[in-house]
Amino acid sequence: MDATGYLAEADEAVAAAALIAAQCPKGEPVDTPDGPETPMPIFPTGLRALADEALACIVGDDAESASNWVAQEDWKQWRAMLTRLRAGLAPPPPSFALFDVQP
């Protein structure tokens, strides 16, 4: 998958991103009869950024995606699902102490 170019198989990119997002702390579990039958391996964290880039390409290509593989009346719901997936892929904010409190 090349997240910088045209995604000919956007539905496959979305499915892959969903599997990657499911392993993230804020990701939603994948629960579908079409999903994997065996547990998926732990994916490298670097795939999160690639999956997010692929979803960004799909979201940014409204007319092309809607006309090719999502019914026009379903595009708003599909876009909301893509937004949820991207939120699940987002890395957690860095944690640092705001104050150095000593007893």
N, C-alpha and C. Protein backbone atom coordinates (compact mmCIF):
# COMPACT_ATOMS: atom_id res chain seq x y z
N MET A 1 0.85 -1.16 0.00
CA MET A 1 0.00 0.00 0.00
C MET A 1 0.90 1.23 0.00
N ASP A 2 0.64 2.16 -0.90
CA ASP A 2 1.39 3.40 -0.99
C ASP A 2 0.45 4.53 -0.62
N ALA A 3 0.58 5.06 0.57
CA ALA A 3 -0.35 6.06 1.07
C ALA A 3 -0.18 7.41 0.40
N THR A 4 0.84 7.59 -0.42
CA THR A 4 1.05 8.87 -1.08
C THR A 4 0.45 8.91 -2.47
N GLY A 5 0.05 7.79 -3.02
CA GLY A 5 -0.50 7.75 -4.37
C GLY A 5 -1.96 7.39 -4.36
N TYR A 6 -2.48 7.09 -5.55
CA TYR A 6 -3.88 6.71 -5.71
C TYR A 6 -4.12 5.33 -5.10
N LEU A 7 -5.19 5.20 -4.35
CA LEU A 7 -5.53 3.93 -3.73
C LEU A 7 -6.60 3.24 -4.57
N ALA A 8 -6.17 2.30 -5.39
CA ALA A 8 -7.10 1.60 -6.26
C ALA A 8 -8.02 0.68 -5.46
N GLU A 9 -7.56 0.17 -4.38
CA GLU A 9 -8.33 -0.76 -3.55
C GLU A 9 -8.59 -0.12 -2.19
N ALA A 10 -9.35 0.95 -2.19
CA ALA A 10 -9.59 1.70 -0.96
C ALA A 10 -10.31 0.86 0.09
N ASP A 11 -11.20 -0.02 -0.35
CA ASP A 11 -11.92 -0.85 0.63
C ASP A 11 -10.95 -1.76 1.38
N GLU A 12 -9.93 -2.27 0.69
CA GLU A 12 -8.92 -3.10 1.36
C GLU A 12 -8.06 -2.26 2.29
N ALA A 13 -7.77 -1.02 1.91
CA ALA A 13 -7.00 -0.13 2.77
C ALA A 13 -7.77 0.18 4.05
N VAL A 14 -9.08 0.37 3.93
CA VAL A 14 -9.91 0.64 5.11
C VAL A 14 -9.95 -0.59 6.02
N ALA A 15 -10.09 -1.77 5.45
CA ALA A 15 -10.11 -2.99 6.26
C ALA A 15 -8.78 -3.18 6.98
N ALA A 16 -7.68 -2.94 6.29
CA ALA A 16 -6.36 -3.07 6.94
C ALA A 16 -6.21 -2.04 8.04
N ALA A 17 -6.65 -0.81 7.80
CA ALA A 17 -6.56 0.24 8.82
C ALA A 17 -7.41 -0.12 10.04
N ALA A 18 -8.56 -0.74 9.81
CA ALA A 18 -9.42 -1.14 10.93
C ALA A 18 -8.74 -2.20 11.79
N LEU A 19 -8.05 -3.13 11.16
CA LEU A 19 -7.33 -4.16 11.92
C LEU A 19 -6.18 -3.56 12.71
N ILE A 20 -5.49 -2.59 12.12
CA ILE A 20 -4.39 -1.92 12.82
C ILE A 20 -4.95 -1.08 13.97
N ALA A 21 -6.02 -0.34 13.71
CA ALA A 21 -6.62 0.51 14.74
C ALA A 21 -7.15 -0.31 15.92
N ALA A 22 -7.61 -1.51 15.64
CA ALA A 22 -8.15 -2.36 16.71
C ALA A 22 -7.10 -2.69 17.76
N GLN A 23 -5.82 -2.62 17.38
CA GLN A 23 -4.75 -2.92 18.33
C GLN A 23 -4.25 -1.66 19.06
N CYS A 24 -4.81 -0.51 18.74
CA CYS A 24 -4.40 0.75 19.37
C CYS A 24 -5.25 0.99 20.63
N PRO A 25 -4.70 1.74 21.59
CA PRO A 25 -5.45 1.98 22.83
C PRO A 25 -6.83 2.59 22.61
N LYS A 26 -6.99 3.49 21.65
CA LYS A 26 -8.28 4.13 21.41
C LYS A 26 -9.05 3.48 20.26
N GLY A 27 -8.55 2.37 19.74
CA GLY A 27 -9.18 1.72 18.60
C GLY A 27 -10.38 0.88 19.00
N GLU A 28 -11.28 0.72 18.06
CA GLU A 28 -12.47 -0.10 18.27
C GLU A 28 -12.17 -1.53 17.83
N PRO A 29 -12.65 -2.52 18.56
CA PRO A 29 -12.41 -3.91 18.14
C PRO A 29 -13.11 -4.22 16.83
N VAL A 30 -12.53 -5.12 16.07
CA VAL A 30 -13.13 -5.56 14.82
C VAL A 30 -14.02 -6.75 15.15
N ASP A 31 -15.31 -6.60 14.91
CA ASP A 31 -16.26 -7.65 15.23
C ASP A 31 -17.20 -7.82 14.04
N THR A 32 -16.80 -8.68 13.13
CA THR A 32 -17.59 -8.91 11.93
C THR A 32 -17.44 -10.37 11.52
N PRO A 33 -18.47 -10.94 10.93
CA PRO A 33 -18.34 -12.33 10.48
C PRO A 33 -17.31 -12.47 9.36
N ASP A 34 -16.99 -11.38 8.68
CA ASP A 34 -16.00 -11.42 7.61
C ASP A 34 -14.58 -11.19 8.11
N GLY A 35 -14.42 -10.98 9.41
CA GLY A 35 -13.11 -10.69 9.98
C GLY A 35 -12.25 -11.92 10.09
N PRO A 36 -11.04 -11.76 10.57
CA PRO A 36 -10.12 -12.89 10.70
C PRO A 36 -10.64 -13.92 11.69
N GLU A 37 -10.43 -15.19 11.36
CA GLU A 37 -10.89 -16.27 12.23
C GLU A 37 -9.89 -16.56 13.35
N THR A 38 -8.63 -16.25 13.12
CA THR A 38 -7.59 -16.47 14.12
C THR A 38 -7.06 -15.12 14.58
N PRO A 39 -6.50 -15.06 15.77
CA PRO A 39 -5.97 -13.78 16.25
C PRO A 39 -4.90 -13.23 15.31
N MET A 40 -4.95 -11.94 15.12
CA MET A 40 -3.98 -11.27 14.26
C MET A 40 -2.68 -11.08 15.03
N PRO A 41 -1.55 -11.07 14.33
CA PRO A 41 -0.27 -10.79 15.00
C PRO A 41 -0.25 -9.32 15.45
N ILE A 42 0.61 -9.02 16.37
CA ILE A 42 0.77 -7.62 16.79
C ILE A 42 1.47 -6.88 15.66
N PHE A 43 0.83 -5.81 15.19
CA PHE A 43 1.39 -5.05 14.08
C PHE A 43 2.41 -4.04 14.59
N PRO A 44 3.44 -3.74 13.80
CA PRO A 44 4.42 -2.72 14.19
C PRO A 44 3.72 -1.36 14.33
N THR A 45 4.16 -0.58 15.30
CA THR A 45 3.52 0.72 15.53
C THR A 45 3.68 1.66 14.35
N GLY A 46 4.70 1.45 13.52
CA GLY A 46 4.88 2.30 12.35
C GLY A 46 3.76 2.19 11.34
N LEU A 47 2.99 1.11 11.39
CA LEU A 47 1.87 0.96 10.47
C LEU A 47 0.73 1.91 10.79
N ARG A 48 0.68 2.41 12.03
CA ARG A 48 -0.39 3.34 12.40
C ARG A 48 -0.36 4.57 11.52
N ALA A 49 0.83 5.15 11.33
CA ALA A 49 0.95 6.36 10.53
C ALA A 49 0.60 6.07 9.07
N LEU A 50 1.04 4.94 8.55
CA LEU A 50 0.74 4.58 7.17
C LEU A 50 -0.76 4.38 6.97
N ALA A 51 -1.40 3.71 7.92
CA ALA A 51 -2.85 3.50 7.83
C ALA A 51 -3.59 4.83 7.89
N ASP A 52 -3.13 5.73 8.76
CA ASP A 52 -3.77 7.04 8.85
C ASP A 52 -3.60 7.83 7.55
N GLU A 53 -2.43 7.75 6.94
CA GLU A 53 -2.20 8.43 5.66
C GLU A 53 -3.12 7.87 4.57
N ALA A 54 -3.28 6.57 4.56
CA ALA A 54 -4.17 5.95 3.57
C ALA A 54 -5.60 6.41 3.77
N LEU A 55 -6.06 6.46 5.02
CA LEU A 55 -7.42 6.93 5.30
C LEU A 55 -7.57 8.40 4.94
N ALA A 56 -6.54 9.20 5.16
CA ALA A 56 -6.59 10.62 4.80
C ALA A 56 -6.77 10.77 3.29
N CYS A 57 -6.10 9.92 2.51
CA CYS A 57 -6.26 9.95 1.05
C CYS A 57 -7.69 9.61 0.66
N ILE A 58 -8.25 8.64 1.34
CA ILE A 58 -9.62 8.22 1.02
C ILE A 58 -10.61 9.31 1.39
N VAL A 59 -10.47 9.89 2.56
CA VAL A 59 -11.38 10.95 3.01
C VAL A 59 -11.24 12.17 2.10
N GLY A 60 -10.03 12.46 1.66
CA GLY A 60 -9.81 13.63 0.82
C GLY A 60 -10.28 13.45 -0.61
N ASP A 61 -10.67 12.25 -0.98
CA ASP A 61 -11.09 11.94 -2.34
C ASP A 61 -12.59 11.67 -2.36
N ASP A 62 -13.37 12.64 -1.85
CA ASP A 62 -14.81 12.46 -1.68
C ASP A 62 -15.54 11.95 -2.93
N ALA A 63 -15.40 12.64 -4.02
CA ALA A 63 -16.17 12.29 -5.21
C ALA A 63 -15.75 10.94 -5.77
N GLU A 64 -14.46 10.70 -5.86
CA GLU A 64 -13.96 9.45 -6.43
C GLU A 64 -14.40 8.26 -5.58
N SER A 65 -14.21 8.34 -4.26
CA SER A 65 -14.58 7.23 -3.39
C SER A 65 -16.07 6.98 -3.40
N ALA A 66 -16.84 8.03 -3.29
CA ALA A 66 -18.29 7.87 -3.23
C ALA A 66 -18.84 7.27 -4.52
N SER A 67 -18.30 7.68 -5.64
CA SER A 67 -18.85 7.19 -6.90
C SER A 67 -18.38 5.77 -7.22
N ASN A 68 -17.24 5.37 -6.72
CA ASN A 68 -16.70 4.06 -7.07
C ASN A 68 -17.15 2.92 -6.16
N TRP A 69 -17.21 3.14 -4.85
CA TRP A 69 -17.51 1.99 -4.01
C TRP A 69 -18.32 2.30 -2.77
N VAL A 70 -18.86 3.50 -2.66
CA VAL A 70 -19.77 3.82 -1.56
C VAL A 70 -20.96 4.53 -2.19
N ALA A 71 -22.16 4.05 -1.90
CA ALA A 71 -23.36 4.70 -2.41
C ALA A 71 -23.41 6.14 -1.90
N GLN A 72 -23.81 7.04 -2.76
CA GLN A 72 -23.82 8.47 -2.43
C GLN A 72 -24.56 8.74 -1.13
N GLU A 73 -25.69 8.07 -0.91
CA GLU A 73 -26.48 8.31 0.31
C GLU A 73 -25.79 7.77 1.57
N ASP A 74 -24.79 6.89 1.40
CA ASP A 74 -24.08 6.32 2.54
C ASP A 74 -22.76 7.04 2.83
N TRP A 75 -22.38 8.02 1.99
CA TRP A 75 -21.05 8.62 2.12
C TRP A 75 -20.86 9.32 3.46
N LYS A 76 -21.85 10.03 4.00
CA LYS A 76 -21.69 10.72 5.29
C LYS A 76 -21.41 9.71 6.41
N GLN A 77 -22.14 8.61 6.42
CA GLN A 77 -21.92 7.58 7.45
C GLN A 77 -20.54 6.95 7.26
N TRP A 78 -20.15 6.70 6.02
CA TRP A 78 -18.84 6.11 5.72
C TRP A 78 -17.73 7.05 6.17
N ARG A 79 -17.90 8.34 5.89
CA ARG A 79 -16.89 9.33 6.28
C ARG A 79 -16.77 9.41 7.80
N ALA A 80 -17.88 9.32 8.52
CA ALA A 80 -17.85 9.32 9.99
C ALA A 80 -17.09 8.10 10.51
N MET A 81 -17.29 6.95 9.85
CA MET A 81 -16.57 5.75 10.26
C MET A 81 -15.07 5.91 10.02
N LEU A 82 -14.70 6.52 8.89
CA LEU A 82 -13.28 6.76 8.60
C LEU A 82 -12.68 7.71 9.63
N THR A 83 -13.44 8.71 10.05
CA THR A 83 -12.97 9.65 11.06
C THR A 83 -12.74 8.94 12.39
N ARG A 84 -13.64 8.03 12.77
CA ARG A 84 -13.46 7.24 14.01
C ARG A 84 -12.22 6.37 13.92
N LEU A 85 -12.01 5.75 12.75
CA LEU A 85 -10.81 4.93 12.57
C LEU A 85 -9.55 5.77 12.72
N ARG A 86 -9.55 6.95 12.12
CA ARG A 86 -8.36 7.81 12.21
C ARG A 86 -8.13 8.25 13.65
N ALA A 87 -9.19 8.49 14.40
CA ALA A 87 -9.03 8.86 15.81
C ALA A 87 -8.42 7.70 16.60
N GLY A 88 -8.81 6.49 16.28
CA GLY A 88 -8.24 5.32 16.95
C GLY A 88 -6.77 5.12 16.63
N LEU A 89 -6.37 5.53 15.45
CA LEU A 89 -4.97 5.37 15.03
C LEU A 89 -4.05 6.45 15.60
N ALA A 90 -4.64 7.54 16.07
CA ALA A 90 -3.83 8.66 16.57
C ALA A 90 -2.97 8.21 17.75
N PRO A 91 -1.71 8.60 17.74
CA PRO A 91 -0.84 8.21 18.87
C PRO A 91 -1.27 8.93 20.13
N PRO A 92 -1.04 8.33 21.29
CA PRO A 92 -1.40 9.00 22.53
C PRO A 92 -0.52 10.25 22.71
N PRO A 93 -1.06 11.28 23.36
CA PRO A 93 -0.25 12.47 23.58
C PRO A 93 0.93 12.14 24.49
N PRO A 94 2.03 12.83 24.29
CA PRO A 94 3.18 12.56 25.17
C PRO A 94 2.84 12.91 26.61
N SER A 95 3.30 12.08 27.51
CA SER A 95 3.02 12.35 28.92
C SER A 95 4.28 12.94 29.56
N PHE A 96 4.07 13.99 30.30
CA PHE A 96 5.17 14.62 31.02
C PHE A 96 4.58 15.31 32.24
N ALA A 97 5.39 15.46 33.24
CA ALA A 97 4.94 16.08 34.48
C ALA A 97 4.80 17.58 34.28
N LEU A 98 3.65 18.11 34.69
CA LEU A 98 3.46 19.55 34.60
C LEU A 98 4.22 20.28 35.69
N PHE A 99 4.30 19.66 36.85
CA PHE A 99 4.98 20.26 37.98
C PHE A 99 5.89 19.24 38.63
N ASP A 100 6.97 19.69 39.14
CA ASP A 100 7.87 18.80 39.87
C ASP A 100 7.58 19.01 41.35
N VAL A 101 6.66 18.20 41.86
CA VAL A 101 6.21 18.33 43.24
C VAL A 101 7.01 17.37 44.10
N GLN A 102 7.63 17.93 45.11
CA GLN A 102 8.40 17.10 46.04
C GLN A 102 7.83 17.30 47.44
N PRO A 103 7.80 16.22 48.23
CA PRO A 103 7.22 16.32 49.58
C PRO A 103 8.05 17.17 50.51
